[in-house]
Amino acid sequence: MNDDWSAPTRASNDALRAQIDSMLDTFNAEKSALLDAQAQATELVSVWSEDGMVRASGTIAGVSEVHIAADAFKRATPESLGRSVTEAITELSRQTSQTQEQALGPLTASMPDLSDLVPGAPSMKDLIAGLTPPPPPLPEPVVEAPERLVDDSDDDEGDYFRNRSYLR
């Protein structure tokens, strides 16, 4: 009589143990993926502008450094240098967004959505997708420089340095 009820109970326990083991394996795999994503998030990304005058570096958290080449002020106008800075930062933003998508993609793909668990609940995947908007388009180049606010035409000291009179 003892064998009659223990066999189904043992089979139920074994099935439950297998289910728990499977859940623990899934948890450990997702924990490992989360640690990998965290490591990718802190990875420094550096990009150069197309003309090689500006390098921007940062992570998915933001820009950490903007480096301007030593000869940039000789090779470029302020307007073209400004465009190079904007280009480098925009490319950095694009690459770090791509890094973020690659890092979080496996996690969000395997994770059930809140609306799957609770009928009528909002989709968390849609909310998360809305948190990272695409980078803004590049601004139109400025054709004319704005008028100077200060009139330094009578500034003798300015002429002294501008004309390099101090070298004579």
Protein backbone atom coordinates (compact mmCIF):
# COMPACT_ATOMS: atom_id res chain seq x y z
CA MET A 1 0.00 0.00 0.00
CA ASN A 2 2.90 2.30 0.70
CA ASP A 3 4.10 1.91 -2.90
CA ASP A 4 0.73 2.99 -4.33
CA TRP A 5 0.86 6.64 -3.21
CA SER A 6 4.66 7.17 -3.18
CA ALA A 7 5.22 6.60 -6.89
CA PRO A 8 2.95 9.47 -8.07
CA THR A 9 4.32 11.73 -5.33
CA ARG A 10 7.90 10.93 -6.26
CA ALA A 11 7.11 11.59 -9.95
CA SER A 12 5.47 14.91 -9.02
CA ASN A 13 8.47 15.87 -6.88
CA ASP A 14 10.87 14.96 -9.68
CA ALA A 15 8.86 17.03 -12.17
CA LEU A 16 8.77 19.97 -9.77
CA ARG A 17 12.51 19.64 -9.09
CA ALA A 18 13.20 19.60 -12.86
CA GLN A 19 11.05 22.72 -13.31
CA ILE A 20 12.88 24.54 -10.49
CA ASP A 21 16.26 23.50 -11.92
CA SER A 22 15.19 24.83 -15.31
CA MET A 23 14.09 28.13 -13.74
CA LEU A 24 17.43 28.42 -11.89
CA ASP A 25 19.34 27.74 -15.12
CA THR A 26 17.31 30.45 -16.88
CA PHE A 27 17.92 32.85 -13.99
CA ASN A 28 21.67 32.20 -14.05
CA ALA A 29 21.81 32.67 -17.83
CA GLU A 30 19.89 35.97 -17.60
CA LYS A 31 22.07 37.12 -14.69
CA SER A 32 25.17 36.40 -16.80
CA ALA A 33 23.65 38.29 -19.74
CA LEU A 34 22.88 41.23 -17.45
CA LEU A 35 26.49 41.31 -16.20
CA ASP A 36 27.69 41.24 -19.83
CA ALA A 37 25.32 44.10 -20.66
CA GLN A 38 26.66 46.06 -17.69
CA ALA A 39 30.23 45.51 -18.91
CA GLN A 40 29.28 46.68 -22.41
CA ALA A 41 27.58 49.75 -20.95
CA THR A 42 30.82 50.90 -19.34
CA GLU A 43 32.92 50.19 -22.44
CA LEU A 44 34.43 53.39 -23.83
CA VAL A 45 33.58 54.16 -27.45
CA SER A 46 35.68 56.65 -29.45
CA VAL A 47 34.88 58.05 -32.88
CA TRP A 48 36.59 60.58 -35.15
CA SER A 49 34.91 63.12 -37.38
CA GLU A 50 35.29 62.41 -41.08
CA ASP A 51 37.90 65.14 -41.50
CA GLY A 52 39.97 63.79 -38.59
CA MET A 53 39.86 67.02 -36.58
CA VAL A 54 37.61 65.91 -33.69
CA ARG A 55 37.44 62.75 -31.58
CA ALA A 56 34.50 62.18 -29.22
CA SER A 57 34.59 59.48 -26.54
CA GLY A 58 31.94 58.20 -24.17
CA THR A 59 29.66 55.38 -23.08
CA ILE A 60 25.91 54.85 -23.24
CA ALA A 61 25.76 57.15 -20.21
CA GLY A 62 27.03 60.10 -22.28
CA VAL A 63 30.01 61.95 -23.72
CA SER A 64 33.10 61.85 -21.52
CA GLU A 65 35.64 63.67 -23.73
CA VAL A 66 35.86 65.76 -26.89
CA HIS A 67 39.38 66.03 -28.32
CA ILE A 68 40.23 68.58 -31.00
CA ALA A 69 43.34 67.94 -33.10
CA ALA A 70 46.21 70.36 -32.45
CA ASP A 71 46.21 71.74 -35.98
CA ALA A 72 42.41 72.00 -36.26
CA PHE A 73 42.43 75.77 -35.76
CA LYS A 74 44.86 76.14 -38.65
CA ARG A 75 43.01 73.79 -41.00
CA ALA A 76 39.42 74.80 -40.31
CA THR A 77 37.09 77.71 -39.89
CA PRO A 78 35.05 77.95 -36.70
CA GLU A 79 31.96 76.87 -38.64
CA SER A 80 33.58 73.76 -40.12
CA LEU A 81 35.12 72.87 -36.76
CA GLY A 82 31.69 73.20 -35.15
CA ARG A 83 30.25 70.86 -37.78
CA SER A 84 33.08 68.38 -37.08
CA VAL A 85 32.30 68.44 -33.34
CA THR A 86 28.60 67.91 -34.04
CA GLU A 87 29.40 65.10 -36.50
CA ALA A 88 31.66 63.29 -34.02
CA ILE A 89 29.16 63.57 -31.16
CA THR A 90 26.27 62.44 -33.37
CA GLU A 91 28.27 59.41 -34.53
CA LEU A 92 29.20 58.64 -30.91
CA SER A 93 25.52 58.79 -29.97
CA ARG A 94 24.62 56.46 -32.83
CA GLN A 95 27.31 53.92 -31.90
CA THR A 96 26.52 53.96 -28.18
CA SER A 97 22.81 53.50 -28.95
CA GLN A 98 23.75 50.52 -31.08
CA THR A 99 25.89 49.16 -28.21
CA GLN A 100 22.94 49.57 -25.86
CA GLU A 101 20.60 47.73 -28.22
CA GLN A 102 23.11 44.87 -28.61
CA ALA A 103 23.63 44.66 -24.86
CA LEU A 104 19.98 44.75 -23.86
CA GLY A 105 18.53 42.93 -26.87
CA PRO A 106 18.99 39.39 -25.54
CA LEU A 107 17.53 40.39 -22.17
CA THR A 108 14.42 42.06 -23.51
CA ALA A 109 13.81 39.30 -26.07
CA SER A 110 13.68 36.52 -23.47
CA MET A 111 11.92 38.51 -20.76
CA PRO A 112 8.12 38.25 -20.63
CA ASP A 113 6.30 41.52 -21.05
CA LEU A 114 4.04 42.83 -18.29
CA SER A 115 1.06 42.66 -20.65
CA ASP A 116 1.80 38.92 -21.13
CA LEU A 117 1.54 38.35 -17.38
CA VAL A 118 -1.27 40.75 -16.49
CA PRO A 119 -4.09 41.14 -19.01
CA GLY A 120 -4.75 44.80 -19.80
CA ALA A 121 -1.44 46.02 -18.36
CA PRO A 122 0.72 48.38 -20.43
CA SER A 123 3.53 46.92 -22.48
CA MET A 124 6.84 47.53 -20.69
CA LYS A 125 8.77 46.81 -23.89
CA ASP A 126 6.99 49.69 -25.62
CA LEU A 127 7.71 51.99 -22.67
CA ILE A 128 11.41 51.03 -22.64
CA ALA A 129 11.67 51.51 -26.41
CA GLY A 130 10.30 55.04 -26.00
CA LEU A 131 12.98 55.96 -23.45
CA THR A 132 15.78 56.09 -26.01
CA PRO A 133 14.74 58.40 -28.83
CA PRO A 134 16.78 58.45 -32.04
CA PRO A 135 19.54 61.06 -32.22
CA PRO A 136 18.50 64.40 -33.67
CA PRO A 137 19.35 65.15 -37.28
CA LEU A 138 22.40 67.26 -38.02
CA PRO A 139 21.60 70.98 -38.04
CA GLU A 140 21.80 72.98 -41.21
CA PRO A 141 25.17 74.72 -41.60
CA VAL A 142 25.25 78.40 -40.70
CA VAL A 143 25.87 80.45 -43.83
CA GLU A 144 26.56 83.80 -42.20
CA ALA A 145 28.28 84.49 -38.94
CA PRO A 146 26.18 86.56 -36.54
CA GLU A 147 27.05 90.22 -36.18
CA ARG A 148 29.62 91.03 -33.53
CA LEU A 149 28.08 92.34 -30.35
CA VAL A 150 31.15 94.36 -29.39
CA ASP A 151 32.75 96.87 -31.72
CA ASP A 152 36.49 96.53 -31.22
CA SER A 153 37.56 98.58 -34.24
CA ASP A 154 39.02 101.27 -31.94
CA ASP A 155 40.69 98.75 -29.68
CA ASP A 156 44.41 99.51 -29.87
CA GLU A 157 45.32 96.58 -27.68
CA GLY A 158 43.37 94.22 -29.96
CA ASP A 159 45.22 95.56 -33.00
CA TYR A 160 48.50 95.17 -31.14
CA PHE A 161 47.90 91.44 -30.64
CA ARG A 162 46.06 90.84 -33.92
CA ASN A 163 48.87 92.36 -35.99
CA ARG A 164 51.52 90.72 -33.82
CA SER A 165 53.19 94.05 -33.17
CA TYR A 166 54.65 92.64 -29.99
CA LEU A 167 57.04 90.48 -32.08
CA ARG A 168 58.86 93.48 -33.57
